[in-house]
Amino acid sequence: MDRIAVEDIKIERIHKDHNVKNFQSYEKELVDFLIEDALENQNNQISVTYLWFLKGELIGYISLLNDRINLEGDLKEIFHQQKIEYKSLPALKIGRLCIDDRYLRRGVGTLMIEFSIKTALEIFSKYSGCRFIVLDAKRNANNDPIHFYKKLGFKELKIRKKGTTPMYLDLANNIKFSI
């Protein structure tokens, strides 16, 4: 299958007129979130969900929210050596990321991560501190996304708990992206 190019994607913030009921994913929990909670969370200023369209068809979504990363263990020592003595630092969290089953392994997930990084860097350059992107990689029977995120530069923060692995990406690295 061909990779999907960023210029072919249209990204929109979810709103009440979007029809999301036909979105398909083996991740039922993520489909339920999109249908039942994404717009309400946005209306309550908890997260923002961005819908990704290809030729008018919804192919995925990503929800972003503010967070922080606690500096523990190795991270605490790394920042201590840099004379940064805070207990936590600001982060942008990828709360949910889901791609329609028909568009898996075509580069959409990578584009969504690049979109998140661009968003975090824009927050930092214009509005507020933002040092990291964080997420909780969730394993299931069909998928273990940790390798995917590691390939994009994320590191594991803690040992797995309850099927999820907290991960982070330090935005201080000089990163180039296509979005």
Protein backbone atom coordinates (compact mmCIF):
# COMPACT_ATOMS: atom_id res chain seq x y z
CA MET A 1 0.00 0.00 0.00
CA ASP A 2 1.10 3.54 -0.71
CA ARG A 3 2.12 5.86 2.08
CA ILE A 4 -0.18 8.79 2.61
CA ALA A 5 1.37 12.21 2.03
CA VAL A 6 0.77 15.07 4.44
CA GLU A 7 -0.39 17.33 1.60
CA ASP A 8 -3.29 14.92 0.95
CA ILE A 9 -4.55 15.22 4.53
CA LYS A 10 -7.06 17.73 5.83
CA ILE A 11 -7.01 18.25 9.62
CA GLU A 12 -10.01 19.70 11.46
CA ARG A 13 -10.84 20.22 15.11
CA ILE A 14 -13.83 18.07 15.98
CA HIS A 15 -17.17 19.89 16.05
CA LYS A 16 -20.82 18.91 16.40
CA ASP A 17 -21.40 18.66 12.65
CA HIS A 18 -18.77 15.97 12.10
CA ASN A 19 -20.14 12.49 11.54
CA VAL A 20 -17.76 10.16 13.37
CA LYS A 21 -20.10 7.17 13.77
CA ASN A 22 -18.66 5.28 10.77
CA PHE A 23 -15.07 5.36 12.00
CA GLN A 24 -13.59 1.83 12.08
CA SER A 25 -10.87 0.46 14.32
CA TYR A 26 -10.13 -2.80 16.05
CA GLU A 27 -9.57 -0.57 19.11
CA LYS A 28 -13.20 -0.41 20.27
CA GLU A 29 -12.28 1.74 23.28
CA LEU A 30 -10.79 4.38 20.96
CA VAL A 31 -13.83 4.34 18.67
CA ASP A 32 -16.09 4.73 21.71
CA PHE A 33 -14.01 7.68 22.92
CA LEU A 34 -14.33 9.40 19.54
CA ILE A 35 -18.09 8.88 19.33
CA GLU A 36 -19.03 9.41 22.98
CA ASP A 37 -16.40 11.60 24.66
CA ALA A 38 -14.13 13.54 22.30
CA LEU A 39 -16.48 16.46 21.60
CA GLU A 40 -17.63 16.65 25.22
CA ASN A 41 -14.03 16.69 26.46
CA GLN A 42 -13.26 19.47 24.03
CA ASN A 43 -16.33 21.46 25.08
CA ASN A 44 -15.20 21.06 28.70
CA GLN A 45 -11.68 22.26 27.81
CA ILE A 46 -10.07 18.93 28.76
CA SER A 47 -8.59 17.96 25.40
CA VAL A 48 -8.73 18.92 21.74
CA THR A 49 -9.43 16.24 19.15
CA TYR A 50 -8.18 16.68 15.61
CA LEU A 51 -9.86 14.65 12.89
CA TRP A 52 -7.77 13.59 9.90
CA PHE A 53 -9.47 13.34 6.51
CA LEU A 54 -8.29 11.89 3.21
CA LYS A 55 -10.47 12.86 0.25
CA GLY A 56 -13.31 13.68 2.64
CA GLU A 57 -13.09 10.35 4.49
CA LEU A 58 -12.23 10.25 8.21
CA ILE A 59 -9.06 8.15 8.50
CA GLY A 60 -7.94 8.90 12.04
CA TYR A 61 -7.85 11.24 14.97
CA ILE A 62 -5.56 12.49 17.70
CA SER A 63 -6.50 14.09 21.02
CA LEU A 64 -4.07 16.45 22.73
CA LEU A 65 -4.05 17.91 26.25
CA ASN A 66 -1.70 19.60 28.69
CA ASP A 67 0.30 17.51 31.11
CA ARG A 68 3.59 17.39 32.94
CA ILE A 69 6.36 14.89 33.33
CA ASN A 70 7.64 14.09 36.79
CA LEU A 71 11.41 14.09 36.92
CA GLU A 72 12.29 10.80 38.56
CA GLY A 73 15.19 8.36 38.37
CA ASP A 74 17.49 8.87 35.39
CA LEU A 75 15.55 11.91 34.18
CA LYS A 76 15.98 13.63 37.54
CA GLU A 77 19.73 13.04 37.38
CA ILE A 78 19.99 14.26 33.77
CA PHE A 79 18.22 17.51 34.60
CA HIS A 80 20.09 17.90 37.89
CA GLN A 81 23.34 17.86 35.89
CA GLN A 82 21.87 20.65 33.73
CA LYS A 83 21.06 22.66 36.90
CA ILE A 84 17.33 22.19 36.34
CA GLU A 85 15.99 21.36 39.79
CA TYR A 86 12.23 21.19 39.21
CA LYS A 87 10.16 18.18 40.27
CA SER A 88 8.23 18.23 36.99
CA LEU A 89 8.34 19.94 33.61
CA PRO A 90 5.54 20.93 31.20
CA ALA A 91 4.42 18.57 28.47
CA LEU A 92 1.86 18.11 25.74
CA LYS A 93 0.11 14.77 26.10
CA ILE A 94 -1.17 12.61 23.30
CA GLY A 95 -4.27 11.35 25.06
CA ARG A 96 -5.61 9.29 22.19
CA LEU A 97 -4.33 8.41 18.72
CA CYS A 98 -6.28 6.11 16.42
CA ILE A 99 -6.18 5.27 12.73
CA ASP A 100 -8.97 3.65 10.75
CA ASP A 101 -8.10 -0.01 10.19
CA ARG A 102 -8.07 0.49 6.41
CA TYR A 103 -5.26 3.06 6.68
CA LEU A 104 -2.89 1.32 9.09
CA ARG A 105 0.79 1.08 8.13
CA ARG A 106 0.58 3.87 5.58
CA GLY A 107 2.46 6.55 7.53
CA VAL A 108 -0.55 8.28 9.12
CA GLY A 109 0.62 7.56 12.69
CA THR A 110 4.02 9.07 11.96
CA LEU A 111 2.35 12.16 10.49
CA MET A 112 0.20 12.45 13.63
CA ILE A 113 3.28 12.34 15.85
CA GLU A 114 4.93 14.99 13.68
CA PHE A 115 1.75 17.10 13.98
CA SER A 116 1.93 16.73 17.78
CA ILE A 117 5.57 17.79 17.85
CA LYS A 118 4.86 20.78 15.65
CA THR A 119 1.96 21.73 17.95
CA ALA A 120 4.16 21.42 21.07
CA LEU A 121 6.91 23.52 19.49
CA GLU A 122 4.33 26.14 18.50
CA ILE A 123 3.01 26.24 22.08
CA PHE A 124 6.57 26.80 23.28
CA SER A 125 7.48 29.40 20.68
CA LYS A 126 4.29 31.48 21.11
CA TYR A 127 2.47 30.78 24.33
CA SER A 128 3.91 28.71 27.15
CA GLY A 129 6.66 26.39 28.27
CA CYS A 130 6.51 22.89 26.77
CA ARG A 131 9.55 20.64 27.09
CA PHE A 132 8.13 17.18 26.38
CA ILE A 133 5.52 15.18 24.55
CA VAL A 134 4.17 12.36 26.70
CA LEU A 135 1.83 9.46 26.08
CA ASP A 136 0.77 6.15 27.54
CA ALA A 137 1.45 3.41 25.00
CA LYS A 138 -1.23 0.78 25.43
CA ARG A 139 -0.57 -2.81 24.44
CA ASN A 140 -3.31 -5.12 23.31
CA ALA A 141 -3.58 -8.48 21.60
CA ASN A 142 -3.30 -6.91 18.13
CA ASN A 143 -0.63 -4.31 18.71
CA ASP A 144 2.34 -3.25 20.83
CA PRO A 145 3.04 0.36 19.82
CA ILE A 146 6.19 0.79 21.93
CA HIS A 147 8.50 -0.10 19.02
CA PHE A 148 6.66 2.44 16.80
CA TYR A 149 7.11 5.23 19.35
CA LYS A 150 10.74 4.33 20.05
CA LYS A 151 11.46 4.51 16.31
CA LEU A 152 10.21 8.11 16.46
CA GLY A 153 12.49 9.01 19.37
CA PHE A 154 10.29 8.35 22.40
CA LYS A 155 11.75 6.75 25.50
CA GLU A 156 10.09 4.68 28.18
CA LEU A 157 9.54 6.60 31.39
CA LYS A 158 8.54 3.77 33.69
CA ILE A 159 8.09 0.04 33.75
CA ARG A 160 4.75 -1.09 32.37
CA LYS A 161 1.72 -0.81 34.61
CA LYS A 162 -1.66 -2.28 33.78
CA GLY A 163 -0.88 -2.73 30.10
CA THR A 164 0.35 0.82 29.47
CA THR A 165 3.85 2.19 29.24
CA PRO A 166 4.39 5.91 29.92
CA MET A 167 6.71 7.34 27.27
CA TYR A 168 8.24 10.73 26.56
CA LEU A 169 9.98 12.71 23.84
CA ASP A 170 12.29 15.57 24.88
CA LEU A 171 11.60 18.51 22.56
CA ALA A 172 14.96 20.10 23.31
CA ASN A 173 16.47 17.90 20.62
CA ASN A 174 16.85 19.59 17.24
CA ILE A 175 14.16 17.77 15.26
CA LYS A 176 13.07 18.35 11.66
CA PHE A 177 9.54 17.43 10.51
CA SER A 178 7.46 17.42 7.38
CA ILE A 179 4.34 19.12 8.76
